Amino acid sequence: TNSPTSALSESPSSRPSYKPSQATSLPSKESSNPPSSIPSHKPSDITSSPSSAMFVRITKFSSEEKYYSNNKKWQTKLTFVLKDTENTKIKQAIISISYIYGSKTKTKTCISKSSGKCLIKLNKFSAATIESIGIIVDTIKTPDEHNYNPELNTKRDNCPLFSQTCPIITIEKPQ
């Protein structure tokens, strides 16, 4: 008959059992395979220590001002270059800035290219009423969610731009 028995057989039965089998031995503490000299390209399950945190920073910042004599207005174009702490250019990061002029504050964003470069062209300002504008970096968001650390930004007068100690960059109207 095909009824189950308590005795073990040497050959498998034709019917699957729905009861898991018992382990025959415990796993050994030593690897059964010797190390290979060829890399496996598979990350190891063993981690030695956590890797240092990766941060994003502004490695270059510039502004280019242009005066329009026909309508007595001026405009500025801001250029940011983003890299991580390993000096890799950051692409597809979203930079959000605020710019302050007179009693107004407006915001603009840009997305960095594969070069890490991000350009923001601001509105035209009346040369008669707006002498300068203030620029603040509000946020930088990267696709891989690295944190933005303004204290690592490029420095001007020994102060990291857009950091806690130098949060606003002032741009003067061109002469």
C-alpha atoms as a PDB file:
ATOM      1  CA  THR A   1       0.000   0.000   0.000  1.00  0.00           C
ATOM      2  CA  ASN A   2       0.947   3.644  -0.259  1.00  0.00           C
ATOM      3  CA  SER A   3       0.244   4.488   3.401  1.00  0.00           C
ATOM      4  CA  PRO A   4       2.929   6.363   5.267  1.00  0.00           C
ATOM      5  CA  THR A   5       5.222   4.378   7.524  1.00  0.00           C
ATOM      6  CA  SER A   6       7.548   5.448  10.280  1.00  0.00           C
ATOM      7  CA  ALA A   7      10.502   3.750   8.653  1.00  0.00           C
ATOM      8  CA  LEU A   8      12.805   5.772   6.398  1.00  0.00           C
ATOM      9  CA  SER A   9      13.275   4.545   2.878  1.00  0.00           C
ATOM     10  CA  GLU A  10      16.385   4.881   0.716  1.00  0.00           C
ATOM     11  CA  SER A  11      14.463   6.092  -2.330  1.00  0.00           C
ATOM     12  CA  PRO A  12      12.017   8.997  -2.623  1.00  0.00           C
ATOM     13  CA  SER A  13       8.331   8.192  -2.857  1.00  0.00           C
ATOM     14  CA  SER A  14       6.210   9.114  -5.835  1.00  0.00           C
ATOM     15  CA  ARG A  15       4.060  11.384  -3.694  1.00  0.00           C
ATOM     16  CA  PRO A  16       5.307  14.635  -2.213  1.00  0.00           C
ATOM     17  CA  SER A  17       5.094  14.971   1.538  1.00  0.00           C
ATOM     18  CA  TYR A  18       3.676  18.155   2.989  1.00  0.00           C
ATOM     19  CA  LYS A  19       5.714  17.939   6.144  1.00  0.00           C
ATOM     20  CA  PRO A  20       9.158  19.559   6.194  1.00  0.00           C
ATOM     21  CA  SER A  21      11.999  17.173   6.748  1.00  0.00           C
ATOM     22  CA  GLN A  22      14.212  17.295   9.829  1.00  0.00           C
ATOM     23  CA  ALA A  23      17.702  18.743   9.488  1.00  0.00           C
ATOM     24  CA  THR A  24      20.311  15.992   9.532  1.00  0.00           C
ATOM     25  CA  SER A  25      23.122  18.117  10.929  1.00  0.00           C
ATOM     26  CA  LEU A  26      23.788  21.625  12.163  1.00  0.00           C
ATOM     27  CA  PRO A  27      25.709  24.001   9.923  1.00  0.00           C
ATOM     28  CA  SER A  28      29.441  24.021  10.518  1.00  0.00           C
ATOM     29  CA  LYS A  29      31.259  27.088  11.746  1.00  0.00           C
ATOM     30  CA  GLU A  30      33.865  26.766   9.027  1.00  0.00           C
ATOM     31  CA  SER A  31      33.300  27.382   5.337  1.00  0.00           C
ATOM     32  CA  SER A  32      33.215  24.243   3.215  1.00  0.00           C
ATOM     33  CA  ASN A  33      34.608  26.196   0.236  1.00  0.00           C
ATOM     34  CA  PRO A  34      38.180  27.515   0.283  1.00  0.00           C
ATOM     35  CA  PRO A  35      38.646  31.202  -0.666  1.00  0.00           C
ATOM     36  CA  SER A  36      38.931  31.897  -4.367  1.00  0.00           C
ATOM     37  CA  SER A  37      41.499  34.198  -5.951  1.00  0.00           C
ATOM     38  CA  ILE A  38      38.820  35.399  -8.410  1.00  0.00           C
ATOM     39  CA  PRO A  39      36.405  38.114  -7.185  1.00  0.00           C
ATOM     40  CA  SER A  40      32.785  36.993  -7.053  1.00  0.00           C
ATOM     41  CA  HIS A  41      31.296  40.454  -7.845  1.00  0.00           C
ATOM     42  CA  LYS A  42      28.797  39.733  -5.114  1.00  0.00           C
ATOM     43  CA  PRO A  43      28.815  41.943  -2.021  1.00  0.00           C
ATOM     44  CA  SER A  44      29.957  40.145   1.079  1.00  0.00           C
ATOM     45  CA  ASP A  45      27.474  39.498   3.831  1.00  0.00           C
ATOM     46  CA  ILE A  46      30.155  40.473   6.325  1.00  0.00           C
ATOM     47  CA  THR A  47      30.533  44.165   7.061  1.00  0.00           C
ATOM     48  CA  SER A  48      33.591  45.403   8.839  1.00  0.00           C
ATOM     49  CA  SER A  49      32.442  48.853   9.898  1.00  0.00           C
ATOM     50  CA  PRO A  50      29.820  51.257   8.645  1.00  0.00           C
ATOM     51  CA  SER A  51      31.069  53.438   5.796  1.00  0.00           C
ATOM     52  CA  SER A  52      31.411  57.128   6.428  1.00  0.00           C
ATOM     53  CA  ALA A  53      28.376  59.205   5.562  1.00  0.00           C
ATOM     54  CA  MET A  54      28.202  60.638   2.067  1.00  0.00           C
ATOM     55  CA  PHE A  55      27.412  64.349   1.824  1.00  0.00           C
ATOM     56  CA  VAL A  56      26.625  66.703  -1.033  1.00  0.00           C
ATOM     57  CA  ARG A  57      28.238  70.127  -1.198  1.00  0.00           C
ATOM     58  CA  ILE A  58      28.545  73.145  -3.465  1.00  0.00           C
ATOM     59  CA  THR A  59      32.074  73.058  -4.881  1.00  0.00           C
ATOM     60  CA  LYS A  60      31.692  76.114  -7.126  1.00  0.00           C
ATOM     61  CA  PHE A  61      29.359  79.086  -7.102  1.00  0.00           C
ATOM     62  CA  SER A  62      29.361  82.090  -9.395  1.00  0.00           C
ATOM     63  CA  SER A  63      27.043  84.838 -10.526  1.00  0.00           C
ATOM     64  CA  GLU A  64      27.032  86.755 -13.758  1.00  0.00           C
ATOM     65  CA  GLU A  65      25.264  90.102 -13.863  1.00  0.00           C
ATOM     66  CA  LYS A  66      24.055  91.841 -16.981  1.00  0.00           C
ATOM     67  CA  TYR A  67      22.814  95.407 -17.348  1.00  0.00           C
ATOM     68  CA  TYR A  68      20.219  96.271 -20.003  1.00  0.00           C
ATOM     69  CA  SER A  69      20.677  99.974 -20.814  1.00  0.00           C
ATOM     70  CA  ASN A  70      17.628 100.144 -23.090  1.00  0.00           C
ATOM     71  CA  ASN A  71      15.171  99.476 -20.250  1.00  0.00           C
ATOM     72  CA  LYS A  72      17.434 100.228 -17.270  1.00  0.00           C
ATOM     73  CA  LYS A  73      17.128  96.757 -15.772  1.00  0.00           C
ATOM     74  CA  TRP A  74      19.644  94.192 -14.609  1.00  0.00           C
ATOM     75  CA  GLN A  75      19.647  90.443 -14.317  1.00  0.00           C
ATOM     76  CA  THR A  76      21.821  87.792 -12.720  1.00  0.00           C
ATOM     77  CA  LYS A  77      22.539  84.185 -13.604  1.00  0.00           C
ATOM     78  CA  LEU A  78      23.651  81.869 -10.796  1.00  0.00           C
ATOM     79  CA  THR A  79      25.829  78.810 -11.399  1.00  0.00           C
ATOM     80  CA  PHE A  80      26.226  76.019  -8.852  1.00  0.00           C
ATOM     81  CA  VAL A  81      28.417  72.900  -9.155  1.00  0.00           C
ATOM     82  CA  LEU A  82      27.585  69.981  -6.867  1.00  0.00           C
ATOM     83  CA  LYS A  83      29.843  67.113  -5.814  1.00  0.00           C
ATOM     84  CA  ASP A  84      29.740  64.534  -3.069  1.00  0.00           C
ATOM     85  CA  THR A  85      32.442  64.069  -0.464  1.00  0.00           C
ATOM     86  CA  GLU A  86      34.235  61.645  -2.809  1.00  0.00           C
ATOM     87  CA  ASN A  87      34.366  64.425  -5.471  1.00  0.00           C
ATOM     88  CA  THR A  88      31.814  62.713  -7.740  1.00  0.00           C
ATOM     89  CA  LYS A  89      29.661  65.145  -9.733  1.00  0.00           C
ATOM     90  CA  ILE A  90      26.032  65.007  -8.660  1.00  0.00           C
ATOM     91  CA  LYS A  91      23.423  64.851 -11.425  1.00  0.00           C
ATOM     92  CA  GLN A  92      19.659  65.186 -11.118  1.00  0.00           C
ATOM     93  CA  ALA A  93      19.901  67.035  -7.794  1.00  0.00           C
ATOM     94  CA  ILE A  94      17.258  69.688  -7.180  1.00  0.00           C
ATOM     95  CA  ILE A  95      18.560  72.963  -5.788  1.00  0.00           C
ATOM     96  CA  SER A  96      15.961  75.274  -4.310  1.00  0.00           C
ATOM     97  CA  ILE A  97      16.946  78.871  -3.572  1.00  0.00           C
ATOM     98  CA  SER A  98      15.258  81.980  -2.235  1.00  0.00           C
ATOM     99  CA  TYR A  99      16.194  85.406  -3.469  1.00  0.00           C
ATOM    100  CA  ILE A 100      15.394  88.579  -1.617  1.00  0.00           C
ATOM    101  CA  TYR A 101      15.080  92.005  -3.221  1.00  0.00           C
ATOM    102  CA  GLY A 102      13.466  95.079  -1.727  1.00  0.00           C
ATOM    103  CA  SER A 103      10.692  93.737   0.505  1.00  0.00           C
ATOM    104  CA  LYS A 104      10.032  90.685  -1.682  1.00  0.00           C
ATOM    105  CA  THR A 105      11.220  87.079  -1.499  1.00  0.00           C
ATOM    106  CA  LYS A 106      10.848  84.620  -4.354  1.00  0.00           C
ATOM    107  CA  THR A 107      12.044  81.072  -4.950  1.00  0.00           C
ATOM    108  CA  LYS A 108      13.509  79.228  -7.911  1.00  0.00           C
ATOM    109  CA  THR A 109      14.813  75.725  -8.520  1.00  0.00           C
ATOM    110  CA  CYS A 110      17.100  73.983 -10.955  1.00  0.00           C
ATOM    111  CA  ILE A 111      18.188  70.418 -11.645  1.00  0.00           C
ATOM    112  CA  SER A 112      21.877  69.623 -11.939  1.00  0.00           C
ATOM    113  CA  LYS A 113      23.237  68.130 -15.172  1.00  0.00           C
ATOM    114  CA  SER A 114      25.697  65.228 -15.450  1.00  0.00           C
ATOM    115  CA  SER A 115      28.468  67.815 -14.979  1.00  0.00           C
ATOM    116  CA  GLY A 116      27.029  68.610 -11.544  1.00  0.00           C
ATOM    117  CA  LYS A 117      26.245  72.108 -12.859  1.00  0.00           C
ATOM    118  CA  CYS A 118      22.957  73.859 -12.192  1.00  0.00           C
ATOM    119  CA  LEU A 119      21.987  77.280 -13.644  1.00  0.00           C
ATOM    120  CA  ILE A 120      19.345  79.646 -12.313  1.00  0.00           C
ATOM    121  CA  LYS A 121      18.466  82.818 -14.196  1.00  0.00           C
ATOM    122  CA  LEU A 122      16.664  85.322 -11.999  1.00  0.00           C
ATOM    123  CA  ASN A 123      14.069  87.887 -13.059  1.00  0.00           C
ATOM    124  CA  LYS A 124      15.120  91.296 -14.327  1.00  0.00           C
ATOM    125  CA  PHE A 125      15.303  93.990 -11.661  1.00  0.00           C
ATOM    126  CA  SER A 126      14.803  97.714 -11.974  1.00  0.00           C
ATOM    127  CA  ALA A 127      18.198  99.399 -11.754  1.00  0.00           C
ATOM    128  CA  ALA A 128      16.524 102.491 -10.265  1.00  0.00           C
ATOM    129  CA  THR A 129      15.044 100.649  -7.265  1.00  0.00           C
ATOM    130  CA  ILE A 130      16.979  97.406  -6.682  1.00  0.00           C
ATOM    131  CA  GLU A 131      20.644  97.872  -5.725  1.00  0.00           C
ATOM    132  CA  SER A 132      21.312  94.289  -4.610  1.00  0.00           C
ATOM    133  CA  ILE A 133      19.704  90.894  -4.051  1.00  0.00           C
ATOM    134  CA  GLY A 134      20.328  88.248  -1.394  1.00  0.00           C
ATOM    135  CA  ILE A 135      20.641  84.574  -2.316  1.00  0.00           C
ATOM    136  CA  ILE A 136      19.881  81.731   0.128  1.00  0.00           C
ATOM    137  CA  VAL A 137      20.126  78.010  -0.656  1.00  0.00           C
ATOM    138  CA  ASP A 138      17.019  76.461   0.909  1.00  0.00           C
ATOM    139  CA  THR A 139      17.473  72.784   0.024  1.00  0.00           C
ATOM    140  CA  ILE A 140      19.452  70.410  -2.150  1.00  0.00           C
ATOM    141  CA  LYS A 141      17.821  67.031  -2.781  1.00  0.00           C
ATOM    142  CA  THR A 142      19.670  64.252  -4.566  1.00  0.00           C
ATOM    143  CA  PRO A 143      18.236  61.124  -6.214  1.00  0.00           C
ATOM    144  CA  ASP A 144      20.307  58.909  -3.890  1.00  0.00           C
ATOM    145  CA  GLU A 145      19.178  60.938  -0.859  1.00  0.00           C
ATOM    146  CA  HIS A 146      22.650  62.050   0.245  1.00  0.00           C
ATOM    147  CA  ASN A 147      22.443  64.821   2.803  1.00  0.00           C
ATOM    148  CA  TYR A 148      23.437  68.353   1.869  1.00  0.00           C
ATOM    149  CA  ASN A 149      26.099  69.720   4.218  1.00  0.00           C
ATOM    150  CA  PRO A 150      26.581  73.486   3.689  1.00  0.00           C
ATOM    151  CA  GLU A 151      29.576  73.507   6.044  1.00  0.00           C
ATOM    152  CA  LEU A 152      31.508  71.609   3.317  1.00  0.00           C
ATOM    153  CA  ASN A 153      30.712  74.187   0.597  1.00  0.00           C
ATOM    154  CA  THR A 154      33.396  76.161  -1.186  1.00  0.00           C
ATOM    155  CA  LYS A 155      34.580  79.099   0.884  1.00  0.00           C
ATOM    156  CA  ARG A 156      34.646  82.832   0.262  1.00  0.00           C
ATOM    157  CA  ASP A 157      36.652  84.917   2.754  1.00  0.00           C
ATOM    158  CA  ASN A 158      37.270  81.693   4.715  1.00  0.00           C
ATOM    159  CA  CYS A 159      33.521  81.119   5.212  1.00  0.00           C
ATOM    160  CA  PRO A 160      31.577  78.225   3.596  1.00  0.00           C
ATOM    161  CA  LEU A 161      29.004  79.739   1.226  1.00  0.00           C
ATOM    162  CA  PHE A 162      25.339  79.320   2.245  1.00  0.00           C
ATOM    163  CA  SER A 163      26.409  77.835   5.599  1.00  0.00           C
ATOM    164  CA  GLN A 164      25.143  78.732   9.043  1.00  0.00           C
ATOM    165  CA  THR A 165      27.856  81.394   9.395  1.00  0.00           C
ATOM    166  CA  CYS A 166      27.440  82.766   5.820  1.00  0.00           C
ATOM    167  CA  PRO A 167      23.802  81.974   4.915  1.00  0.00           C
ATOM    168  CA  ILE A 168      23.189  84.819   2.439  1.00  0.00           C
ATOM    169  CA  ILE A 169      25.260  85.794  -0.567  1.00  0.00           C
ATOM    170  CA  THR A 170      24.685  89.384  -1.686  1.00  0.00           C
ATOM    171  CA  ILE A 171      24.791  90.199  -5.392  1.00  0.00           C
ATOM    172  CA  GLU A 172      25.245  93.864  -6.299  1.00  0.00           C
ATOM    173  CA  LYS A 173      23.730  95.417  -9.409  1.00  0.00           C
ATOM    174  CA  PRO A 174      26.262  95.902 -12.192  1.00  0.00           C
ATOM    175  CA  GLN A 175      27.555  99.405 -12.888  1.00  0.00           C
END
